[in-house]
Amino acid sequence: MLSAFLSAFRTPDLRKKLLFTVGIIAVYRLGATLPSPGVSYGNVQKCLDSLQGQNTGVLNLLDLFSGGALLQLSVFALGIMPYITASIILQLLTVVIPRLEQLRKEGQAGQAKITQYTRYLTLGLGILQSSAFVALARSGQLFQNRCDQFPIVPEGTGIPDWLTLSILVMTMTAGTGMVMWLGELITDRGVGNGMSVLIFTSIAARLPSEGWKIKTNEGWGKFALVLALVLVVITAVCFIEQAQRRIPVQYAKRMIGRRMYGGTSTYIPLKVNQAGVIPVIFASSLLYLPQLALQFFDQTDPGKTQAWIQNNIVQADAPLHIVIYFLLIIFFTYFYVSITFNPTEVADNMKKYGGFVPGIRPGKPTADYLDFILSRITLPGALYLGIVAVLPNFFFIWLNSQQFQNFPFGGTAVLIMVGVGLETVKQIESQLMQRNYEGFLR
């Protein structure tokens, strides 16, 4: 491993890519801590200090993905989430809109057009989300009216309120566009997928502070036990993320002109976790809707229905919350796999180029076989996602505290960090292998 790192830095072009990626990450973290114009940074810090160890509501997951920038209303407060949301929306629309499906099949030119649509949709979502967050901050609901004595966006500064709010929305939207540009720069000139690297950076930035909270409040004993459990979880995630079912494919020999083509053997890799982290994000978003709805009711005198929703669905350590979360992840895993992997299309492409699965007839029998295999491996993948996702909820129960709502050592965070880390290491390893160096994973 150490020799692989040394080999990577000894290679001039690879060293340049690594240093470029580190530089972009530094710029991103600088923007995540830079306060937006019109925001009282001193009041933000006082409010965060007063809310130490309390649940800040619906924005926990987004704040984790932004590296803590959202609750500070910094320039990069929205982080990469508008782009991720836009990408997921367009990926889902590809199934129902024939024009997008046609663009996806056109190769690089069509993909460039879809990327352009994604950028426009990202900016539109950036305007909507920044307006919503600014309105929440102005009304005090960003922290559930617990910081009214520390106004985040002060009034009476001598500048018209509409101008202050407009500049704030424009700044955060421009920050979203710049984050998107930084991610594309990493993809083109750095190492790894730029968007994934940035969200990995945001989550990793929270690890030291959240880990130190556990040590401060629970002591060294539970802190050491948490670290041990984290290592076990990461090891299991690494193992399952790389697990796949390889379906052998044989291509028949064909004579074209005077040359013989085909006759090769390959395989179709079907991952156990074919859906990635998308089902967890979908399930988290749906579970946050009841909590978001509670924001519009009177918090000082909640009714029976509101109290029941708060105690059984919103609370992360409630048994009903855990069960619903787990079942939603299983449902969305099957749903997302069904719309992203089309066995009939794969079978038709194999038949077009003379490929077949040994022992299976081409065409519909191959599609049925692929669908059967996919349904068999999707169940353990869905159970795996559900178990990893609900781990933080059990940590809440074990620690007997609600102060770790942003717990970054389980669920979506660990899935993203491990997945991005593995893909980035594989990309560096492939570049080393091209230069006859021994890779990281050997």
Protein backbone atom coordinates (compact mmCIF):
# COMPACT_ATOMS: atom_id res chain seq x y z
CA MET A 1 0.00 0.00 0.00
CA LEU A 2 2.75 2.47 0.93
CA SER A 3 4.73 1.62 -2.20
CA ALA A 4 1.59 2.21 -4.29
CA PHE A 5 1.19 5.70 -2.80
CA LEU A 6 4.84 6.46 -3.47
CA SER A 7 4.49 5.19 -7.05
CA ALA A 8 1.43 7.40 -7.57
CA PHE A 9 3.32 10.52 -6.48
CA ARG A 10 6.40 9.57 -8.48
CA THR A 11 4.37 9.53 -11.70
CA PRO A 12 4.29 13.16 -12.96
CA ASP A 13 0.86 13.20 -14.63
CA LEU A 14 -0.82 11.19 -11.86
CA ARG A 15 0.80 13.40 -9.21
CA LYS A 16 -0.54 16.45 -11.03
CA LYS A 17 -4.06 14.98 -11.02
CA LEU A 18 -3.88 14.15 -7.32
CA LEU A 19 -2.63 17.61 -6.35
CA PHE A 20 -5.24 19.24 -8.59
CA THR A 21 -7.98 17.24 -6.84
CA VAL A 22 -6.67 18.24 -3.42
CA GLY A 23 -6.61 21.90 -4.50
CA ILE A 24 -10.23 21.78 -5.69
CA ILE A 25 -11.26 20.14 -2.40
CA ALA A 26 -9.52 22.96 -0.49
CA VAL A 27 -11.45 25.57 -2.53
CA TYR A 28 -14.69 23.70 -1.85
CA ARG A 29 -14.11 23.58 1.90
CA LEU A 30 -13.21 27.29 1.88
CA GLY A 31 -16.52 28.13 0.23
CA ALA A 32 -18.35 25.91 2.71
CA THR A 33 -17.07 28.07 5.60
CA LEU A 34 -17.38 31.47 3.88
CA PRO A 35 -20.55 33.26 5.16
CA SER A 36 -23.01 34.64 2.64
CA PRO A 37 -23.64 38.42 2.50
CA GLY A 38 -26.38 39.54 4.86
CA VAL A 39 -25.91 36.62 7.28
CA SER A 40 -24.75 37.35 10.82
CA TYR A 41 -21.97 34.81 11.21
CA GLY A 42 -21.60 35.60 14.92
CA ASN A 43 -25.28 34.86 15.54
CA VAL A 44 -24.98 31.65 13.53
CA GLN A 45 -22.19 30.41 15.77
CA LYS A 46 -24.09 31.39 18.95
CA CYS A 47 -27.16 29.58 17.68
CA LEU A 48 -25.21 26.44 16.78
CA ASP A 49 -23.56 26.49 20.22
CA SER A 50 -26.94 26.81 21.95
CA LEU A 51 -28.31 23.92 19.89
CA GLN A 52 -25.37 21.63 20.67
CA GLY A 53 -26.67 18.09 21.08
CA GLN A 54 -30.24 18.87 19.95
CA ASN A 55 -32.19 17.69 16.95
CA THR A 56 -32.41 20.43 14.30
CA GLY A 57 -35.18 18.71 12.39
CA VAL A 58 -35.70 18.10 8.72
CA LEU A 59 -32.38 19.52 7.55
CA ASN A 60 -30.05 17.06 9.32
CA LEU A 61 -29.29 14.88 6.31
CA LEU A 62 -28.78 17.85 3.98
CA ASP A 63 -26.53 19.54 6.52
CA LEU A 64 -24.45 16.36 6.77
CA PHE A 65 -24.05 16.21 2.98
CA SER A 66 -23.02 19.87 2.87
CA GLY A 67 -20.35 19.38 5.52
CA GLY A 68 -22.16 21.60 8.03
CA ALA A 69 -22.43 24.50 5.56
CA LEU A 70 -26.23 24.49 5.30
CA LEU A 71 -27.04 25.53 8.86
CA GLN A 72 -24.43 28.31 8.56
CA LEU A 73 -25.98 29.61 5.30
CA SER A 74 -22.52 29.81 3.75
CA VAL A 75 -21.77 30.44 0.06
CA PHE A 76 -21.78 26.67 -0.63
CA ALA A 77 -24.68 26.02 1.76
CA LEU A 78 -26.61 23.88 -0.73
CA GLY A 79 -23.56 21.77 -1.52
CA ILE A 80 -23.89 19.19 -4.26
CA MET A 81 -27.42 18.05 -3.34
CA PRO A 82 -29.27 20.10 -6.03
CA TYR A 83 -27.11 18.42 -8.68
CA ILE A 84 -27.68 14.97 -7.17
CA THR A 85 -31.44 15.64 -7.06
CA ALA A 86 -31.46 16.87 -10.67
CA SER A 87 -29.51 13.81 -11.83
CA ILE A 88 -31.94 11.44 -10.09
CA ILE A 89 -34.97 13.30 -11.53
CA LEU A 90 -33.62 13.10 -15.09
CA GLN A 91 -32.68 9.45 -14.62
CA LEU A 92 -36.26 8.68 -13.58
CA LEU A 93 -37.72 10.82 -16.38
CA THR A 94 -35.66 8.88 -18.93
CA VAL A 95 -37.98 5.92 -18.35
CA VAL A 96 -41.19 7.87 -19.06
CA ILE A 97 -40.09 10.49 -21.64
CA PRO A 98 -39.20 8.94 -25.05
CA ARG A 99 -37.05 11.93 -26.06
CA LEU A 100 -34.74 11.44 -23.09
CA GLU A 101 -34.61 7.70 -23.73
CA GLN A 102 -33.59 8.41 -27.33
CA LEU A 103 -30.86 10.82 -26.16
CA ARG A 104 -29.51 8.20 -23.77
CA LYS A 105 -29.13 5.75 -26.66
CA GLU A 106 -27.31 8.27 -28.88
CA GLY A 107 -24.03 7.80 -27.03
CA GLN A 108 -21.71 10.64 -26.14
CA ALA A 109 -23.65 13.37 -27.99
CA GLY A 110 -26.91 12.42 -26.31
CA GLN A 111 -25.25 12.17 -22.91
CA ALA A 112 -23.83 15.68 -23.36
CA LYS A 113 -27.35 16.97 -24.01
CA ILE A 114 -28.69 15.21 -20.88
CA THR A 115 -25.81 16.72 -18.88
CA GLN A 116 -26.82 20.16 -20.15
CA TYR A 117 -30.41 19.59 -19.04
CA THR A 118 -29.09 18.45 -15.65
CA ARG A 119 -27.18 21.71 -15.23
CA TYR A 120 -30.22 23.83 -16.01
CA LEU A 121 -32.37 21.81 -13.63
CA THR A 122 -29.66 22.09 -10.95
CA LEU A 123 -29.75 25.88 -11.11
CA GLY A 124 -33.55 25.87 -10.98
CA LEU A 125 -33.53 23.63 -7.93
CA GLY A 126 -30.80 25.83 -6.43
CA ILE A 127 -33.05 28.89 -6.69
CA LEU A 128 -36.00 27.06 -5.12
CA GLN A 129 -33.99 25.49 -2.29
CA SER A 130 -32.03 28.64 -1.47
CA SER A 131 -35.27 30.66 -1.36
CA ALA A 132 -36.82 28.08 0.97
CA PHE A 133 -33.80 28.00 3.31
CA VAL A 134 -33.54 31.81 3.41
CA ALA A 135 -37.24 32.05 4.23
CA LEU A 136 -36.84 29.44 6.99
CA ALA A 137 -33.85 31.33 8.39
CA ARG A 138 -35.70 34.65 8.30
CA SER A 139 -38.74 33.22 10.10
CA GLY A 140 -36.63 31.33 12.66
CA GLN A 141 -37.88 27.87 11.58
CA LEU A 142 -34.47 26.82 10.28
CA PHE A 143 -33.74 25.80 13.87
CA GLN A 144 -37.41 25.21 14.82
CA ASN A 145 -37.73 28.64 16.49
CA ARG A 146 -35.11 27.79 19.10
CA CYS A 147 -32.77 30.66 18.18
CA ASP A 148 -35.10 33.66 18.03
CA GLN A 149 -32.69 35.59 20.25
CA PHE A 150 -29.97 35.14 17.62
CA PRO A 151 -31.43 36.33 14.27
CA ILE A 152 -29.55 34.69 11.40
CA VAL A 153 -30.60 37.35 8.87
CA PRO A 154 -30.87 40.56 10.94
CA GLU A 155 -33.43 43.22 10.08
CA GLY A 156 -33.07 46.98 10.20
CA THR A 157 -29.56 47.14 8.69
CA GLY A 158 -30.42 50.12 6.48
CA ILE A 159 -30.55 47.96 3.35
CA PRO A 160 -33.99 47.05 1.92
CA ASP A 161 -35.02 43.58 3.02
CA TRP A 162 -35.92 42.45 -0.51
CA LEU A 163 -32.43 43.40 -1.71
CA THR A 164 -30.72 41.54 1.15
CA LEU A 165 -32.78 38.39 0.57
CA SER A 166 -32.32 38.57 -3.21
CA ILE A 167 -28.54 38.85 -2.88
CA LEU A 168 -28.53 35.96 -0.42
CA VAL A 169 -30.54 33.73 -2.79
CA MET A 170 -28.36 34.71 -5.75
CA THR A 171 -25.18 34.01 -3.77
CA MET A 172 -26.29 30.54 -2.69
CA THR A 173 -27.50 29.69 -6.20
CA ALA A 174 -24.21 30.89 -7.68
CA GLY A 175 -22.44 28.76 -5.08
CA THR A 176 -24.39 25.74 -6.32
CA GLY A 177 -23.29 26.47 -9.88
CA MET A 178 -19.67 26.80 -8.77
CA VAL A 179 -19.82 23.54 -6.80
CA MET A 180 -21.15 21.84 -9.92
CA TRP A 181 -18.28 23.34 -11.95
CA LEU A 182 -15.69 22.25 -9.37
CA GLY A 183 -17.05 18.70 -9.50
CA GLU A 184 -16.80 18.62 -13.28
CA LEU A 185 -13.22 19.93 -13.08
CA ILE A 186 -12.28 17.02 -10.81
CA THR A 187 -13.92 14.56 -13.21
CA ASP A 188 -12.11 16.00 -16.25
CA ARG A 189 -8.69 16.87 -14.83
CA GLY A 190 -8.47 15.15 -11.45
CA VAL A 191 -8.98 11.68 -9.99
CA GLY A 192 -12.38 10.07 -9.46
CA ASN A 193 -15.92 11.24 -10.07
CA GLY A 194 -15.97 14.91 -9.08
CA MET A 195 -19.48 15.03 -7.60
CA SER A 196 -18.86 11.89 -5.56
CA VAL A 197 -15.52 13.20 -4.30
CA LEU A 198 -17.12 16.47 -3.13
CA ILE A 199 -19.91 14.75 -1.23
CA PHE A 200 -17.31 12.37 0.25
CA THR A 201 -15.35 15.43 1.40
CA SER A 202 -18.44 17.00 2.98
CA ILE A 203 -19.26 13.89 5.01
CA ALA A 204 -15.63 13.27 6.01
CA ALA A 205 -15.37 16.86 7.27
CA ARG A 206 -17.95 16.04 9.95
CA LEU A 207 -16.21 12.91 11.26
CA PRO A 208 -13.79 14.54 13.75
CA SER A 209 -16.39 16.80 15.40
CA GLU A 210 -19.10 14.13 15.60
CA GLY A 211 -16.62 11.57 16.93
CA TRP A 212 -15.38 14.00 19.57
CA LYS A 213 -18.99 14.63 20.67
CA ILE A 214 -19.33 10.94 21.48
CA LYS A 215 -16.08 10.95 23.46
CA THR A 216 -17.05 14.11 25.37
CA ASN A 217 -20.57 13.02 26.26
CA GLU A 218 -20.17 9.25 26.63
CA GLY A 219 -16.55 8.76 27.67
CA TRP A 220 -13.64 6.76 26.27
CA GLY A 221 -15.31 3.37 26.79
CA LYS A 222 -18.26 3.91 24.46
CA PHE A 223 -16.08 5.93 22.11
CA ALA A 224 -13.69 2.96 21.67
CA LEU A 225 -16.62 0.57 21.23
CA VAL A 226 -18.15 2.85 18.58
CA LEU A 227 -14.85 2.90 16.68
CA ALA A 228 -14.69 -0.89 16.80
CA LEU A 229 -18.24 -1.15 15.46
CA VAL A 230 -17.39 1.38 12.76
CA LEU A 231 -14.50 -0.78 11.56
CA VAL A 232 -16.76 -3.85 11.45
CA VAL A 233 -19.43 -1.95 9.47
CA ILE A 234 -16.91 -0.52 7.00
CA THR A 235 -15.35 -3.97 6.46
CA ALA A 236 -18.78 -5.49 5.78
CA VAL A 237 -19.73 -2.65 3.43
CA CYS A 238 -16.45 -3.01 1.49
CA PHE A 239 -17.07 -6.74 1.12
CA ILE A 240 -20.67 -6.46 -0.08
CA GLU A 241 -20.09 -3.40 -2.31
CA GLN A 242 -17.61 -5.43 -4.35
CA ALA A 243 -19.71 -8.61 -4.38
CA GLN A 244 -21.21 -9.47 -7.76
CA ARG A 245 -22.76 -12.34 -9.68
CA ARG A 246 -20.91 -12.86 -12.96
CA ILE A 247 -23.10 -14.30 -15.71
CA PRO A 248 -20.88 -15.86 -18.43
CA VAL A 249 -21.49 -14.68 -22.01
CA GLN A 250 -20.09 -16.38 -25.13
CA TYR A 251 -19.91 -14.63 -28.50
CA ALA A 252 -20.20 -16.74 -31.63
CA LYS A 253 -17.56 -16.54 -34.36
CA ARG A 254 -18.55 -14.53 -37.42
CA MET A 255 -16.80 -14.18 -40.79
CA ILE A 256 -16.86 -10.59 -42.04
CA GLY A 257 -14.98 -10.27 -45.33
CA ARG A 258 -11.81 -12.26 -44.85
CA ARG A 259 -11.55 -11.74 -41.14
CA MET A 260 -12.96 -13.78 -38.27
CA TYR A 261 -14.68 -11.87 -35.43
CA GLY A 262 -16.13 -13.03 -32.12
CA GLY A 263 -15.47 -16.27 -30.34
CA THR A 264 -14.59 -14.45 -27.11
CA SER A 265 -15.87 -15.11 -23.59
CA THR A 266 -16.87 -12.40 -21.14
CA TYR A 267 -19.42 -11.93 -18.37
CA ILE A 268 -22.18 -9.60 -17.18
CA PRO A 269 -21.39 -8.35 -13.65
CA LEU A 270 -24.55 -8.02 -11.58
CA LYS A 271 -23.70 -6.36 -8.28
CA VAL A 272 -25.40 -7.42 -5.08
CA ASN A 273 -26.02 -3.73 -4.36
CA GLN A 274 -27.19 -2.84 -7.86
CA ALA A 275 -29.13 0.23 -6.69
CA GLY A 276 -26.31 1.95 -4.80
CA VAL A 277 -27.31 4.49 -2.17
CA ILE A 278 -30.35 5.89 -4.05
CA PRO A 279 -33.00 3.81 -2.17
CA VAL A 280 -31.69 5.12 1.16
CA ILE A 281 -31.96 8.72 -0.06
CA PHE A 282 -35.50 8.14 -1.36
CA ALA A 283 -36.61 6.50 1.89
CA SER A 284 -35.02 9.27 3.99
CA SER A 285 -36.78 11.92 1.93
CA LEU A 286 -40.19 10.30 2.38
CA LEU A 287 -39.69 9.87 6.12
CA TYR A 288 -38.78 13.56 6.43
CA LEU A 289 -42.09 14.65 4.87
CA PRO A 290 -44.13 14.13 8.10
CA GLN A 291 -41.51 16.09 10.04
CA LEU A 292 -41.65 18.86 7.45
CA ALA A 293 -45.46 18.93 7.69
CA LEU A 294 -45.24 19.40 11.46
CA GLN A 295 -43.38 22.67 10.86
CA PHE A 296 -46.65 24.27 9.70
CA PHE A 297 -48.56 23.48 12.90
CA ASP A 298 -48.44 25.06 16.31
CA GLN A 299 -45.48 23.54 18.13
CA THR A 300 -46.47 24.93 21.53
CA ASP A 301 -49.83 23.10 21.66
CA PRO A 302 -49.63 19.97 19.48
CA GLY A 303 -52.73 17.83 19.01
CA LYS A 304 -52.97 14.09 19.51
CA THR A 305 -52.26 13.34 15.85
CA GLN A 306 -49.24 15.64 15.80
CA ALA A 307 -47.93 14.14 19.04
CA TRP A 308 -48.37 10.60 17.70
CA ILE A 309 -46.53 11.45 14.46
CA GLN A 310 -43.75 13.13 16.42
CA ASN A 311 -43.30 10.21 18.84
CA ASN A 312 -43.72 7.30 16.42
CA ILE A 313 -42.64 8.43 12.95
CA VAL A 314 -40.38 11.45 13.37
CA GLN A 315 -38.31 10.19 16.33
CA ALA A 316 -35.37 8.23 14.93
CA ASP A 317 -35.33 5.72 17.79
CA ALA A 318 -39.05 4.88 17.58
CA PRO A 319 -39.69 1.22 16.59
CA LEU A 320 -42.31 2.21 14.00
CA HIS A 321 -39.88 4.71 12.43
CA ILE A 322 -37.21 2.01 12.09
CA VAL A 323 -39.64 -0.53 10.59
CA ILE A 324 -41.08 1.94 8.05
CA TYR A 325 -37.58 3.11 7.11
CA PHE A 326 -36.43 -0.48 6.58
CA LEU A 327 -39.46 -1.43 4.46
CA LEU A 328 -39.20 1.72 2.34
CA ILE A 329 -35.57 0.95 1.54
CA ILE A 330 -36.47 -2.58 0.41
CA PHE A 331 -39.30 -1.23 -1.78
CA PHE A 332 -37.18 1.48 -3.40
CA THR A 333 -34.32 -0.98 -3.99
CA TYR A 334 -36.56 -3.20 -6.11
CA PHE A 335 -38.13 -0.16 -7.77
CA TYR A 336 -34.84 1.50 -8.69
CA VAL A 337 -33.25 -1.74 -9.95
CA SER A 338 -36.30 -2.40 -12.13
CA ILE A 339 -36.04 0.99 -13.88
CA THR A 340 -32.25 1.10 -14.26
CA PHE A 341 -31.57 -2.46 -15.45
CA ASN A 342 -33.71 -3.75 -18.33
CA PRO A 343 -33.12 -7.50 -18.88
CA THR A 344 -35.01 -7.43 -22.20
CA GLU A 345 -32.79 -4.66 -23.58
CA VAL A 346 -29.60 -6.43 -22.43
CA ALA A 347 -30.77 -9.71 -24.00
CA ASP A 348 -31.63 -7.96 -27.29
CA ASN A 349 -28.20 -6.29 -27.43
CA MET A 350 -26.48 -9.62 -26.78
CA LYS A 351 -28.52 -11.28 -29.54
CA LYS A 352 -27.72 -8.43 -31.96
CA TYR A 353 -23.97 -8.98 -31.57
CA GLY A 354 -24.11 -12.78 -31.49
CA GLY A 355 -23.79 -13.21 -27.74
CA PHE A 356 -25.50 -15.84 -25.63
CA VAL A 357 -25.44 -17.27 -22.13
CA PRO A 358 -24.20 -20.90 -22.29
CA GLY A 359 -27.19 -23.23 -21.88
CA ILE A 360 -29.77 -20.44 -22.39
CA ARG A 361 -31.43 -19.66 -25.73
CA PRO A 362 -31.01 -16.05 -26.99
CA GLY A 363 -33.89 -13.60 -26.82
CA LYS A 364 -36.75 -13.93 -24.33
CA PRO A 365 -35.30 -16.98 -22.47
CA THR A 366 -32.12 -14.97 -21.82
CA ALA A 367 -34.17 -11.99 -20.60
CA ASP A 368 -36.16 -14.27 -18.26
CA TYR A 369 -32.94 -15.80 -16.95
CA LEU A 370 -31.38 -12.38 -16.28
CA ASP A 371 -34.57 -11.22 -14.55
CA PHE A 372 -34.57 -14.35 -12.37
CA ILE A 373 -30.93 -13.87 -11.34
CA LEU A 374 -31.46 -10.17 -10.70
CA SER A 375 -34.49 -10.77 -8.48
CA ARG A 376 -32.52 -13.36 -6.48
CA ILE A 377 -29.57 -11.06 -5.73
CA THR A 378 -31.67 -7.90 -5.19
CA LEU A 379 -33.19 -9.27 -1.97
CA PRO A 380 -29.87 -9.64 -0.08
CA GLY A 381 -28.81 -6.27 -1.51
CA ALA A 382 -32.00 -4.63 -0.21
CA LEU A 383 -31.62 -6.27 3.22
CA TYR A 384 -28.00 -5.11 3.34
CA LEU A 385 -28.98 -1.51 2.54
CA GLY A 386 -31.75 -1.57 5.13
CA ILE A 387 -29.53 -2.96 7.89
CA VAL A 388 -26.73 -0.47 7.27
CA ALA A 389 -29.19 2.43 7.00
CA VAL A 390 -30.89 1.75 10.35
CA LEU A 391 -27.61 1.34 12.23
CA PRO A 392 -27.58 5.00 13.41
CA ASN A 393 -31.09 4.53 14.83
CA PHE A 394 -29.85 1.70 17.04
CA PHE A 395 -26.90 3.91 18.05
CA PHE A 396 -29.46 6.49 19.27
CA ILE A 397 -31.16 3.83 21.40
CA TRP A 398 -27.85 2.45 22.72
CA LEU A 399 -26.46 5.89 23.58
CA ASN A 400 -29.88 6.87 24.97
CA SER A 401 -29.57 10.29 23.40
CA GLN A 402 -30.97 12.25 20.45
CA GLN A 403 -27.85 14.36 20.09
CA PHE A 404 -26.32 12.19 17.38
CA GLN A 405 -28.90 12.85 14.69
CA ASN A 406 -26.05 13.67 12.29
CA PHE A 407 -24.24 10.45 13.24
CA PRO A 408 -21.84 9.96 10.30
CA PHE A 409 -20.64 6.41 11.02
CA GLY A 410 -23.58 4.51 9.57
CA GLY A 411 -26.39 4.62 7.05
CA THR A 412 -26.14 6.81 3.98
CA ALA A 413 -22.86 8.41 5.04
CA VAL A 414 -20.83 5.22 5.34
CA LEU A 415 -22.30 3.81 2.12
CA ILE A 416 -21.26 6.92 0.20
CA MET A 417 -17.81 7.18 1.77
CA VAL A 418 -16.93 3.52 1.22
CA GLY A 419 -18.35 3.47 -2.30
CA VAL A 420 -16.56 6.64 -3.39
CA GLY A 421 -13.33 5.56 -1.69
CA LEU A 422 -13.33 2.19 -3.47
CA GLU A 423 -14.07 3.71 -6.89
CA THR A 424 -11.36 6.37 -6.49
CA VAL A 425 -8.77 3.81 -5.39
CA LYS A 426 -9.69 1.58 -8.35
CA GLN A 427 -9.22 4.49 -10.74
CA ILE A 428 -5.79 5.30 -9.29
CA GLU A 429 -4.90 1.62 -9.44
CA SER A 430 -5.87 1.35 -13.11
CA GLN A 431 -3.58 4.28 -13.91
CA LEU A 432 -0.74 2.63 -12.00
CA MET A 433 -1.31 -0.65 -13.81
CA GLN A 434 -1.00 1.14 -17.15
CA ARG A 435 2.49 2.15 -16.06
CA ASN A 436 3.38 -1.35 -14.81
CA TYR A 437 3.19 -0.38 -11.14
CA GLU A 438 1.67 -2.63 -8.52
CA GLY A 439 -1.77 -1.36 -7.47
CA PHE A 440 -3.37 -0.70 -4.07
CA LEU A 441 -5.57 -3.78 -4.00
CA ARG A 442 -2.89 -6.40 -4.76
